[in-house]
């Protein structure tokens, strides 16, 4: 063994006048746990702390995702109200210029709100013309129709939405019956 290696692994080191012993391996004469056992305990505790930190991060992500989902869900009645106002305005045939400008402003607000919610993950569920799916649609009425085959959604009373790929609210729909 080289003299440098002997000096590094055996004996003592004296920084600034105080003597420190260097560990030379397990000692059977010591009653306290050895350095190896204490290191193993420390590493095990460190592993448990790392797992705990990962679990806390995961829970925080889940809770913030749920908070965003709740905020988006609370905005759905606002979108519904804007849709009803715009439907009413579209049904009016005798409107003056002031009313038409007001409708354009409401349309702009609706578009901005919809785009903002789409940026965080809201997507509308397209229902009209599709086969009824009870996992996605809440059937509120069944009506005879010659235009659509039986079991097809012919009208949407309330829009349904997905949030980040998961159903947030089912669509309230009218379904065709055979005539």
N, C-alpha and C. Protein backbone atom coordinates (compact mmCIF):
# COMPACT_ATOMS: atom_id res chain seq x y z
N UNK A 1 0.85 -1.17 0.00
CA UNK A 1 0.00 0.00 0.00
C UNK A 1 0.90 1.23 0.00
N UNK A 2 0.53 2.24 -0.75
CA UNK A 2 1.34 3.45 -0.86
C UNK A 2 1.27 4.26 0.42
N UNK A 3 2.28 5.04 0.72
CA UNK A 3 2.27 5.87 1.93
C UNK A 3 1.11 6.86 1.95
N UNK A 4 0.75 7.39 0.80
CA UNK A 4 -0.37 8.34 0.74
C UNK A 4 -1.67 7.65 1.11
N UNK A 5 -1.85 6.43 0.58
CA UNK A 5 -3.07 5.69 0.87
C UNK A 5 -3.13 5.33 2.35
N UNK A 6 -1.99 4.93 2.94
CA UNK A 6 -1.96 4.63 4.37
C UNK A 6 -2.34 5.87 5.17
N UNK A 7 -1.84 7.01 4.74
CA UNK A 7 -2.13 8.25 5.46
C UNK A 7 -3.61 8.64 5.35
N UNK A 8 -4.22 8.36 4.17
CA UNK A 8 -5.62 8.72 3.98
C UNK A 8 -6.57 7.81 4.74
N UNK A 9 -6.27 6.52 4.83
CA UNK A 9 -7.22 5.57 5.38
C UNK A 9 -6.94 5.11 6.80
N UNK A 10 -5.81 5.42 7.36
CA UNK A 10 -5.49 4.96 8.71
C UNK A 10 -4.89 6.10 9.49
N UNK A 11 -4.96 5.96 10.76
CA UNK A 11 -4.30 6.94 11.61
C UNK A 11 -5.21 8.09 11.95
N UNK A 12 -4.62 9.26 12.04
CA UNK A 12 -5.40 10.42 12.45
C UNK A 12 -5.01 11.62 11.61
N UNK A 13 -5.82 12.64 11.74
CA UNK A 13 -5.60 13.89 11.03
C UNK A 13 -5.79 15.00 12.04
N UNK A 14 -4.91 15.95 12.05
CA UNK A 14 -4.97 17.01 13.06
C UNK A 14 -5.14 18.38 12.42
N UNK A 15 -6.40 18.81 12.15
CA UNK A 15 -6.60 20.15 11.63
C UNK A 15 -6.57 21.16 12.77
N UNK A 16 -5.85 22.20 12.61
CA UNK A 16 -5.77 23.32 13.56
C UNK A 16 -5.55 22.85 15.00
N UNK A 17 -4.75 21.87 15.19
CA UNK A 17 -4.35 21.46 16.52
C UNK A 17 -5.26 20.48 17.22
N UNK A 18 -6.47 20.21 16.73
CA UNK A 18 -7.32 19.23 17.40
C UNK A 18 -7.26 17.92 16.64
N UNK A 19 -7.13 16.85 17.34
CA UNK A 19 -6.92 15.54 16.74
C UNK A 19 -8.27 14.87 16.44
N UNK A 20 -8.46 14.34 15.19
CA UNK A 20 -9.64 13.59 14.80
C UNK A 20 -9.22 12.20 14.40
N UNK A 21 -9.91 11.21 14.91
CA UNK A 21 -9.61 9.84 14.52
C UNK A 21 -10.30 9.52 13.21
N UNK A 22 -9.66 8.70 12.40
CA UNK A 22 -10.21 8.27 11.12
C UNK A 22 -10.75 6.86 11.29
N UNK A 23 -11.94 6.62 10.76
CA UNK A 23 -12.57 5.31 10.89
C UNK A 23 -11.80 4.29 10.08
N UNK A 24 -11.49 3.15 10.72
CA UNK A 24 -10.68 2.12 10.08
C UNK A 24 -11.47 0.85 9.79
N UNK A 25 -12.77 0.85 10.02
CA UNK A 25 -13.57 -0.33 9.77
C UNK A 25 -14.39 -0.67 11.00
N UNK A 26 -15.21 -1.71 10.88
CA UNK A 26 -16.06 -2.06 12.01
C UNK A 26 -15.24 -2.53 13.21
N UNK A 27 -15.68 -2.12 14.35
CA UNK A 27 -14.99 -2.50 15.57
C UNK A 27 -15.95 -3.28 16.45
N UNK A 28 -15.53 -4.44 16.85
CA UNK A 28 -16.40 -5.27 17.69
C UNK A 28 -16.38 -4.81 19.13
N UNK A 29 -15.42 -3.96 19.52
CA UNK A 29 -15.33 -3.54 20.91
C UNK A 29 -16.27 -2.38 21.21
N UNK A 30 -16.80 -1.69 20.18
CA UNK A 30 -17.70 -0.56 20.40
C UNK A 30 -19.10 -1.05 20.68
N UNK A 31 -19.79 -0.41 21.61
CA UNK A 31 -21.17 -0.78 21.91
C UNK A 31 -22.15 0.06 21.10
N UNK A 32 -21.79 1.29 20.73
CA UNK A 32 -22.69 2.14 19.95
C UNK A 32 -22.69 1.68 18.50
N UNK A 33 -23.78 2.00 17.75
CA UNK A 33 -23.82 1.57 16.35
C UNK A 33 -22.65 2.15 15.57
N UNK A 34 -22.13 1.36 14.68
CA UNK A 34 -21.00 1.80 13.88
C UNK A 34 -21.41 2.79 12.82
N UNK A 35 -20.41 3.35 12.18
CA UNK A 35 -20.63 4.34 11.13
C UNK A 35 -21.43 3.74 9.99
N UNK A 36 -21.16 2.49 9.66
CA UNK A 36 -21.87 1.85 8.57
C UNK A 36 -23.36 1.72 8.87
N UNK A 37 -23.70 1.31 10.08
CA UNK A 37 -25.10 1.18 10.46
C UNK A 37 -25.80 2.53 10.49
N UNK A 38 -25.13 3.56 11.03
CA UNK A 38 -25.71 4.90 11.08
C UNK A 38 -25.90 5.46 9.67
N UNK A 39 -24.97 5.18 8.77
CA UNK A 39 -25.09 5.65 7.39
C UNK A 39 -26.27 4.97 6.71
N UNK A 40 -26.42 3.67 6.94
CA UNK A 40 -27.55 2.94 6.34
C UNK A 40 -28.88 3.49 6.86
N UNK A 41 -28.96 3.78 8.17
CA UNK A 41 -30.18 4.36 8.73
C UNK A 41 -30.45 5.74 8.14
N UNK A 42 -29.39 6.52 8.00
CA UNK A 42 -29.53 7.86 7.43
C UNK A 42 -30.04 7.79 5.98
N UNK A 43 -29.46 6.88 5.19
CA UNK A 43 -29.88 6.74 3.81
C UNK A 43 -31.32 6.25 3.69
N UNK A 44 -31.72 5.35 4.58
CA UNK A 44 -33.10 4.87 4.58
C UNK A 44 -34.06 6.02 4.91
N UNK A 45 -33.69 6.82 5.91
CA UNK A 45 -34.52 7.98 6.28
C UNK A 45 -34.57 9.00 5.14
N UNK A 46 -33.45 9.19 4.48
CA UNK A 46 -33.38 10.10 3.34
C UNK A 46 -34.31 9.62 2.22
N UNK A 47 -34.33 8.32 1.98
CA UNK A 47 -35.23 7.75 0.98
C UNK A 47 -36.69 7.97 1.33
N UNK A 48 -37.03 7.78 2.63
CA UNK A 48 -38.40 8.02 3.06
C UNK A 48 -38.78 9.49 2.88
N UNK A 49 -37.86 10.39 3.18
CA UNK A 49 -38.13 11.82 3.02
C UNK A 49 -38.31 12.18 1.54
N UNK A 50 -37.53 11.58 0.66
CA UNK A 50 -37.67 11.83 -0.77
C UNK A 50 -39.04 11.35 -1.28
N UNK A 51 -39.46 10.17 -0.82
CA UNK A 51 -40.78 9.66 -1.19
C UNK A 51 -41.88 10.57 -0.67
N UNK A 52 -41.74 11.07 0.55
CA UNK A 52 -42.71 11.98 1.13
C UNK A 52 -42.78 13.29 0.33
N UNK A 53 -41.63 13.80 -0.08
CA UNK A 53 -41.60 15.04 -0.88
C UNK A 53 -42.30 14.83 -2.22
N UNK A 54 -42.06 13.67 -2.87
CA UNK A 54 -42.73 13.38 -4.13
C UNK A 54 -44.24 13.27 -3.95
N UNK A 55 -44.68 12.64 -2.87
CA UNK A 55 -46.11 12.51 -2.58
C UNK A 55 -46.74 13.88 -2.34
N UNK A 56 -46.03 14.75 -1.63
CA UNK A 56 -46.55 16.10 -1.39
C UNK A 56 -46.67 16.88 -2.69
N UNK A 57 -45.69 16.76 -3.58
CA UNK A 57 -45.76 17.42 -4.89
C UNK A 57 -46.94 16.91 -5.70
N UNK A 58 -47.14 15.60 -5.69
CA UNK A 58 -48.25 15.00 -6.43
C UNK A 58 -49.58 15.50 -5.89
N UNK A 59 -49.72 15.54 -4.57
CA UNK A 59 -50.96 16.01 -3.97
C UNK A 59 -51.21 17.48 -4.29
N UNK A 60 -50.15 18.27 -4.31
CA UNK A 60 -50.31 19.69 -4.63
C UNK A 60 -50.76 19.86 -6.08
N UNK A 61 -50.19 19.06 -7.00
CA UNK A 61 -50.62 19.12 -8.40
C UNK A 61 -52.08 18.73 -8.53
N UNK A 62 -52.50 17.68 -7.82
CA UNK A 62 -53.88 17.22 -7.88
C UNK A 62 -54.80 18.28 -7.32
N UNK A 63 -54.43 18.90 -6.20
CA UNK A 63 -55.31 19.90 -5.61
C UNK A 63 -55.40 21.15 -6.47
N UNK A 64 -54.29 21.57 -7.11
CA UNK A 64 -54.37 22.74 -7.98
C UNK A 64 -55.17 22.41 -9.23
N UNK A 65 -55.05 21.19 -9.76
CA UNK A 65 -55.86 20.76 -10.90
C UNK A 65 -57.34 20.80 -10.52
N UNK A 66 -57.67 20.34 -9.33
CA UNK A 66 -59.06 20.33 -8.87
C UNK A 66 -59.57 21.76 -8.67
N UNK A 67 -58.71 22.65 -8.20
CA UNK A 67 -59.11 24.05 -8.03
C UNK A 67 -59.42 24.69 -9.37
N UNK A 68 -58.59 24.46 -10.37
CA UNK A 68 -58.83 25.01 -11.71
C UNK A 68 -60.12 24.42 -12.27
N UNK A 69 -60.32 23.12 -12.08
CA UNK A 69 -61.55 22.46 -12.54
C UNK A 69 -62.78 23.10 -11.91
N UNK A 70 -62.72 23.40 -10.61
CA UNK A 70 -63.85 24.02 -9.92
C UNK A 70 -64.11 25.44 -10.42
N UNK A 71 -63.05 26.20 -10.69
CA UNK A 71 -63.22 27.55 -11.22
C UNK A 71 -63.87 27.48 -12.60
N UNK A 72 -63.39 26.58 -13.45
CA UNK A 72 -63.97 26.44 -14.79
C UNK A 72 -65.43 26.02 -14.67
N UNK A 73 -65.73 25.08 -13.78
CA UNK A 73 -67.12 24.63 -13.59
C UNK A 73 -68.00 25.79 -13.13
N UNK A 74 -67.47 26.67 -12.30
CA UNK A 74 -68.27 27.80 -11.83
C UNK A 74 -68.52 28.84 -12.92
N UNK A 75 -67.71 28.81 -13.99
CA UNK A 75 -67.90 29.74 -15.10
C UNK A 75 -68.92 29.24 -16.13
N UNK A 76 -69.32 27.99 -16.07
CA UNK A 76 -70.26 27.45 -17.05
C UNK A 76 -71.62 28.16 -17.04
N UNK A 77 -72.20 28.50 -15.87
CA UNK A 77 -73.45 29.26 -15.91
C UNK A 77 -73.31 30.62 -16.60
N UNK A 78 -72.14 31.23 -16.51
CA UNK A 78 -71.91 32.49 -17.20
C UNK A 78 -71.93 32.28 -18.71
N UNK A 79 -71.25 31.22 -19.17
CA UNK A 79 -71.30 30.89 -20.60
C UNK A 79 -72.73 30.60 -21.06
N UNK A 80 -73.48 29.86 -20.24
CA UNK A 80 -74.87 29.55 -20.58
C UNK A 80 -75.70 30.83 -20.69
N UNK A 81 -75.51 31.75 -19.75
CA UNK A 81 -76.26 33.01 -19.78
C UNK A 81 -75.92 33.83 -21.02
N UNK A 82 -74.65 33.88 -21.37
CA UNK A 82 -74.26 34.61 -22.57
C UNK A 82 -74.87 33.96 -23.81
N UNK A 83 -74.90 32.63 -23.86
CA UNK A 83 -75.52 31.93 -24.99
C UNK A 83 -77.01 32.26 -25.10
N UNK A 84 -77.72 32.29 -23.95
CA UNK A 84 -79.15 32.61 -23.97
C UNK A 84 -79.39 34.04 -24.44
N UNK A 85 -78.56 34.97 -23.99
CA UNK A 85 -78.70 36.36 -24.43
C UNK A 85 -78.49 36.46 -25.94
N UNK A 86 -77.47 35.77 -26.44
CA UNK A 86 -77.19 35.83 -27.88
C UNK A 86 -78.29 35.13 -28.69
N UNK A 87 -78.87 34.06 -28.18
CA UNK A 87 -79.99 33.41 -28.86
C UNK A 87 -81.20 34.33 -28.92
N UNK A 88 -81.46 35.01 -27.82
CA UNK A 88 -82.57 35.96 -27.78
C UNK A 88 -82.34 37.09 -28.78
N UNK A 89 -81.12 37.63 -28.80
CA UNK A 89 -80.80 38.72 -29.72
C UNK A 89 -80.94 38.27 -31.17
N UNK A 90 -80.57 37.03 -31.46
CA UNK A 90 -80.67 36.52 -32.83
C UNK A 90 -82.13 36.36 -33.25
N UNK A 91 -83.02 36.11 -32.29
CA UNK A 91 -84.43 35.94 -32.62
C UNK A 91 -85.14 37.28 -32.86
N UNK A 92 -84.53 38.37 -32.46
CA UNK A 92 -85.12 39.70 -32.67
C UNK A 92 -84.86 40.15 -34.09
N UNK A 93 -85.91 40.46 -34.81
CA UNK A 93 -85.74 40.93 -36.18
C UNK A 93 -85.78 42.45 -36.28
N UNK A 94 -86.48 43.08 -35.38
CA UNK A 94 -86.60 44.54 -35.41
C UNK A 94 -85.69 45.16 -34.36
N UNK A 95 -84.42 45.32 -34.69
CA UNK A 95 -83.49 45.91 -33.74
C UNK A 95 -82.82 47.13 -34.36
N UNK A 96 -82.61 48.13 -33.53
CA UNK A 96 -81.95 49.34 -34.02
C UNK A 96 -80.43 49.19 -33.94
N UNK A 97 -79.74 50.22 -34.36
CA UNK A 97 -78.27 50.18 -34.41
C UNK A 97 -77.66 50.05 -33.01
N UNK A 98 -78.24 50.70 -32.04
CA UNK A 98 -77.73 50.63 -30.67
C UNK A 98 -77.81 49.21 -30.12
N UNK A 99 -78.95 48.54 -30.37
CA UNK A 99 -79.12 47.16 -29.93
C UNK A 99 -78.12 46.25 -30.64
N UNK A 100 -77.93 46.46 -31.94
CA UNK A 100 -76.98 45.65 -32.72
C UNK A 100 -75.56 45.81 -32.19
N UNK A 101 -75.17 47.03 -31.81
CA UNK A 101 -73.84 47.26 -31.23
C UNK A 101 -73.71 46.58 -29.87
N UNK A 102 -74.79 46.63 -29.09
CA UNK A 102 -74.78 45.97 -27.79
C UNK A 102 -74.60 44.46 -27.96
N UNK A 103 -75.28 43.88 -28.95
CA UNK A 103 -75.17 42.45 -29.22
C UNK A 103 -73.74 42.10 -29.63
N UNK A 104 -73.11 42.93 -30.45
CA UNK A 104 -71.73 42.67 -30.87
C UNK A 104 -70.79 42.70 -29.66
N UNK A 105 -71.04 43.60 -28.74
CA UNK A 105 -70.22 43.67 -27.52
C UNK A 105 -70.38 42.40 -26.69
N UNK A 106 -71.61 41.95 -26.53
CA UNK A 106 -71.87 40.72 -25.78
C UNK A 106 -71.21 39.53 -26.48
N UNK A 107 -71.27 39.47 -27.81
CA UNK A 107 -70.62 38.41 -28.56
C UNK A 107 -69.11 38.42 -28.32
N UNK A 108 -68.51 39.61 -28.31
CA UNK A 108 -67.07 39.72 -28.08
C UNK A 108 -66.70 39.23 -26.69
N UNK A 109 -67.51 39.58 -25.69
CA UNK A 109 -67.25 39.11 -24.33
C UNK A 109 -67.36 37.60 -24.26
N UNK A 110 -68.37 37.04 -24.92
CA UNK A 110 -68.57 35.59 -24.94
C UNK A 110 -67.38 34.89 -25.59
N UNK A 111 -66.92 35.42 -26.71
CA UNK A 111 -65.78 34.82 -27.41
C UNK A 111 -64.52 34.88 -26.56
N UNK A 112 -64.27 36.02 -25.91
CA UNK A 112 -63.08 36.16 -25.07
C UNK A 112 -63.11 35.20 -23.89
N UNK A 113 -64.27 35.09 -23.26
CA UNK A 113 -64.39 34.17 -22.13
C UNK A 113 -64.21 32.73 -22.58
N UNK A 114 -64.82 32.36 -23.69
CA UNK A 114 -64.69 31.00 -24.21
C UNK A 114 -63.24 30.67 -24.54
N UNK A 115 -62.55 31.58 -25.21
CA UNK A 115 -61.14 31.35 -25.55
C UNK A 115 -60.27 31.23 -24.31
N UNK A 116 -60.54 32.07 -23.31
CA UNK A 116 -59.76 31.99 -22.06
C UNK A 116 -59.95 30.64 -21.39
N UNK A 117 -61.18 30.15 -21.36
CA UNK A 117 -61.44 28.85 -20.74
C UNK A 117 -60.88 27.71 -21.57
N UNK A 118 -60.87 27.86 -22.89
CA UNK A 118 -60.28 26.84 -23.75
C UNK A 118 -58.77 26.74 -23.52
N UNK A 119 -58.12 27.87 -23.21
CA UNK A 119 -56.68 27.86 -22.96
C UNK A 119 -56.31 27.03 -21.74
N UNK A 120 -57.21 26.95 -20.75
CA UNK A 120 -56.92 26.15 -19.56
C UNK A 120 -57.44 24.72 -19.68
N UNK A 121 -58.13 24.39 -20.81
CA UNK A 121 -58.50 23.00 -21.02
C UNK A 121 -59.96 22.70 -21.23
N UNK A 122 -60.83 23.72 -21.33
CA UNK A 122 -62.26 23.48 -21.54
C UNK A 122 -62.54 23.31 -23.03
N UNK A 123 -63.26 22.25 -23.39
CA UNK A 123 -63.68 22.05 -24.78
C UNK A 123 -65.15 21.68 -24.79
N UNK A 124 -65.91 22.27 -25.74
CA UNK A 124 -67.34 21.95 -25.80
C UNK A 124 -67.57 20.55 -26.37
N UNK A 125 -68.63 19.96 -25.94
CA UNK A 125 -69.04 18.63 -26.40
C UNK A 125 -70.01 18.85 -27.56
N UNK A 126 -69.69 18.36 -28.73
CA UNK A 126 -70.60 18.52 -29.87
C UNK A 126 -71.63 17.40 -29.82
N UNK A 127 -72.92 17.78 -29.84
CA UNK A 127 -73.96 16.79 -29.63
C UNK A 127 -74.92 16.66 -30.81
N UNK A 128 -75.33 17.75 -31.42
CA UNK A 128 -76.36 17.71 -32.46
C UNK A 128 -75.86 16.89 -33.65
N UNK A 129 -76.71 15.94 -34.06
CA UNK A 129 -76.38 15.09 -35.21
C UNK A 129 -75.66 13.80 -34.84
N UNK A 130 -75.32 13.63 -33.57
CA UNK A 130 -74.64 12.40 -33.14
C UNK A 130 -75.65 11.45 -32.50
N UNK A 131 -75.28 10.20 -32.41
CA UNK A 131 -76.12 9.22 -31.71
C UNK A 131 -76.10 9.54 -30.21
N UNK A 132 -77.22 9.36 -29.56
CA UNK A 132 -77.29 9.64 -28.14
C UNK A 132 -76.37 8.67 -27.38
N UNK A 133 -75.62 9.22 -26.45
CA UNK A 133 -74.71 8.44 -25.60
C UNK A 133 -75.02 8.86 -24.16
N UNK A 134 -75.60 7.97 -23.39
CA UNK A 134 -76.05 8.33 -22.05
C UNK A 134 -74.90 8.65 -21.09
N UNK A 135 -73.68 8.32 -21.48
CA UNK A 135 -72.54 8.73 -20.68
C UNK A 135 -72.20 10.20 -20.88
N UNK A 136 -72.62 10.76 -22.02
CA UNK A 136 -72.32 12.14 -22.37
C UNK A 136 -73.55 13.04 -22.42
N UNK A 137 -74.72 12.45 -22.66
CA UNK A 137 -75.94 13.22 -22.86
C UNK A 137 -76.97 12.93 -21.78
N UNK A 138 -77.66 13.98 -21.38
CA UNK A 138 -78.80 13.86 -20.47
C UNK A 138 -80.03 14.16 -21.32
N UNK A 139 -80.84 13.14 -21.61
CA UNK A 139 -81.99 13.30 -22.48
C UNK A 139 -83.11 13.98 -21.70
N UNK A 140 -83.53 15.17 -22.17
CA UNK A 140 -84.59 15.91 -21.50
C UNK A 140 -85.91 15.83 -22.26
N UNK A 141 -85.84 15.43 -23.53
CA UNK A 141 -87.06 15.30 -24.33
C UNK A 141 -86.78 14.36 -25.50
N UNK A 142 -87.86 13.66 -25.90
CA UNK A 142 -87.80 12.84 -27.11
C UNK A 142 -88.90 13.34 -28.02
N UNK A 143 -88.55 13.59 -29.29
CA UNK A 143 -89.48 14.21 -30.23
C UNK A 143 -89.43 13.47 -31.56
N UNK A 144 -90.61 13.25 -32.17
CA UNK A 144 -90.63 12.62 -33.49
C UNK A 144 -89.93 13.51 -34.52
N UNK A 145 -89.19 12.87 -35.43
CA UNK A 145 -88.46 13.63 -36.44
C UNK A 145 -88.36 12.82 -37.72
N UNK A 146 -88.56 13.51 -38.85
CA UNK A 146 -88.38 12.86 -40.16
C UNK A 146 -86.97 13.13 -40.69
N UNK A 147 -86.35 14.18 -40.19
CA UNK A 147 -85.01 14.58 -40.67
C UNK A 147 -83.90 13.70 -40.11
N UNK A 148 -84.07 13.25 -38.89
CA UNK A 148 -83.00 12.51 -38.20
C UNK A 148 -83.45 11.09 -37.92
N UNK A 149 -82.51 10.14 -37.96
CA UNK A 149 -82.85 8.76 -37.60
C UNK A 149 -83.11 8.64 -36.08
N UNK A 150 -83.74 7.57 -35.71
CA UNK A 150 -84.07 7.35 -34.31
C UNK A 150 -82.80 7.30 -33.45
N UNK A 151 -82.86 7.95 -32.28
CA UNK A 151 -81.74 7.94 -31.35
C UNK A 151 -80.68 8.98 -31.64
N UNK A 152 -80.97 9.90 -32.56
CA UNK A 152 -80.03 10.96 -32.90
C UNK A 152 -80.37 12.22 -32.13
N UNK A 153 -79.36 12.93 -31.67
CA UNK A 153 -79.57 14.19 -30.97
C UNK A 153 -79.98 15.24 -32.00
N UNK A 154 -81.17 15.86 -31.79
CA UNK A 154 -81.66 16.85 -32.75
C UNK A 154 -81.59 18.27 -32.21
N UNK A 155 -81.44 18.40 -30.91
CA UNK A 155 -81.35 19.74 -30.32
C UNK A 155 -80.56 19.68 -29.02
N UNK A 156 -79.87 20.75 -28.76
CA UNK A 156 -79.08 20.84 -27.54
C UNK A 156 -79.69 21.94 -26.67
N UNK A 157 -80.20 21.56 -25.50
CA UNK A 157 -80.79 22.55 -24.60
C UNK A 157 -79.73 23.21 -23.74
N UNK A 158 -78.71 22.47 -23.39
CA UNK A 158 -77.59 23.01 -22.61
C UNK A 158 -76.32 22.30 -23.08
N UNK A 159 -75.30 23.10 -23.36
CA UNK A 159 -74.04 22.53 -23.86
C UNK A 159 -73.37 21.66 -22.80
N UNK A 160 -72.69 20.63 -23.29
CA UNK A 160 -71.85 19.81 -22.43
C UNK A 160 -70.39 20.19 -22.67
N UNK A 161 -69.54 19.91 -21.69
CA UNK A 161 -68.14 20.30 -21.81
C UNK A 161 -67.22 19.22 -21.27
N UNK A 162 -66.03 19.17 -21.88
CA UNK A 162 -64.91 18.38 -21.36
C UNK A 162 -63.93 19.35 -20.72
N UNK A 163 -63.24 18.89 -19.69
CA UNK A 163 -62.14 19.66 -19.12
C UNK A 163 -60.92 18.76 -19.09
N UNK A 164 -59.94 19.12 -19.91
CA UNK A 164 -58.69 18.36 -20.03
C UNK A 164 -58.94 16.88 -20.28
N UNK A 165 -59.87 16.61 -21.21
CA UNK A 165 -60.13 15.24 -21.64
C UNK A 165 -61.14 14.48 -20.81
N UNK A 166 -61.60 15.05 -19.70
CA UNK A 166 -62.59 14.37 -18.85
C UNK A 166 -63.91 15.14 -18.91
N UNK A 167 -65.01 14.41 -18.87
CA UNK A 167 -66.32 15.04 -18.94
C UNK A 167 -66.52 15.94 -17.72
N UNK A 168 -66.82 17.21 -17.96
CA UNK A 168 -67.08 18.16 -16.88
C UNK A 168 -68.57 18.29 -16.64
N UNK A 169 -69.34 18.40 -17.74
CA UNK A 169 -70.80 18.49 -17.62
C UNK A 169 -71.41 17.84 -18.85
N UNK A 170 -72.42 17.00 -18.62
CA UNK A 170 -73.08 16.36 -19.75
C UNK A 170 -74.01 17.36 -20.44
N UNK A 171 -74.32 17.10 -21.70
CA UNK A 171 -75.19 17.97 -22.48
C UNK A 171 -76.64 17.57 -22.26
N UNK A 172 -77.51 18.54 -22.13
CA UNK A 172 -78.95 18.31 -22.02
C UNK A 172 -79.49 18.37 -23.45
N UNK A 173 -80.05 17.24 -23.92
CA UNK A 173 -80.38 17.12 -25.34
C UNK A 173 -81.81 16.63 -25.58
N UNK A 174 -82.27 16.88 -26.82
CA UNK A 174 -83.53 16.36 -27.32
C UNK A 174 -83.16 15.30 -28.36
N UNK A 175 -83.81 14.14 -28.27
CA UNK A 175 -83.48 12.99 -29.11
C UNK A 175 -84.65 12.67 -30.05
N UNK A 176 -84.31 12.27 -31.26
CA UNK A 176 -85.31 11.94 -32.30
C UNK A 176 -85.97 10.61 -32.03
N UNK A 177 -87.27 10.57 -32.28
CA UNK A 177 -88.05 9.35 -32.28
C UNK A 177 -88.49 9.09 -33.72
N UNK A 178 -88.78 7.84 -34.08
CA UNK A 178 -89.28 7.60 -35.44
C UNK A 178 -90.70 8.19 -35.59
N UNK A 179 -90.99 8.68 -36.74
CA UNK A 179 -92.31 9.27 -36.97
C UNK A 179 -93.25 8.27 -37.56
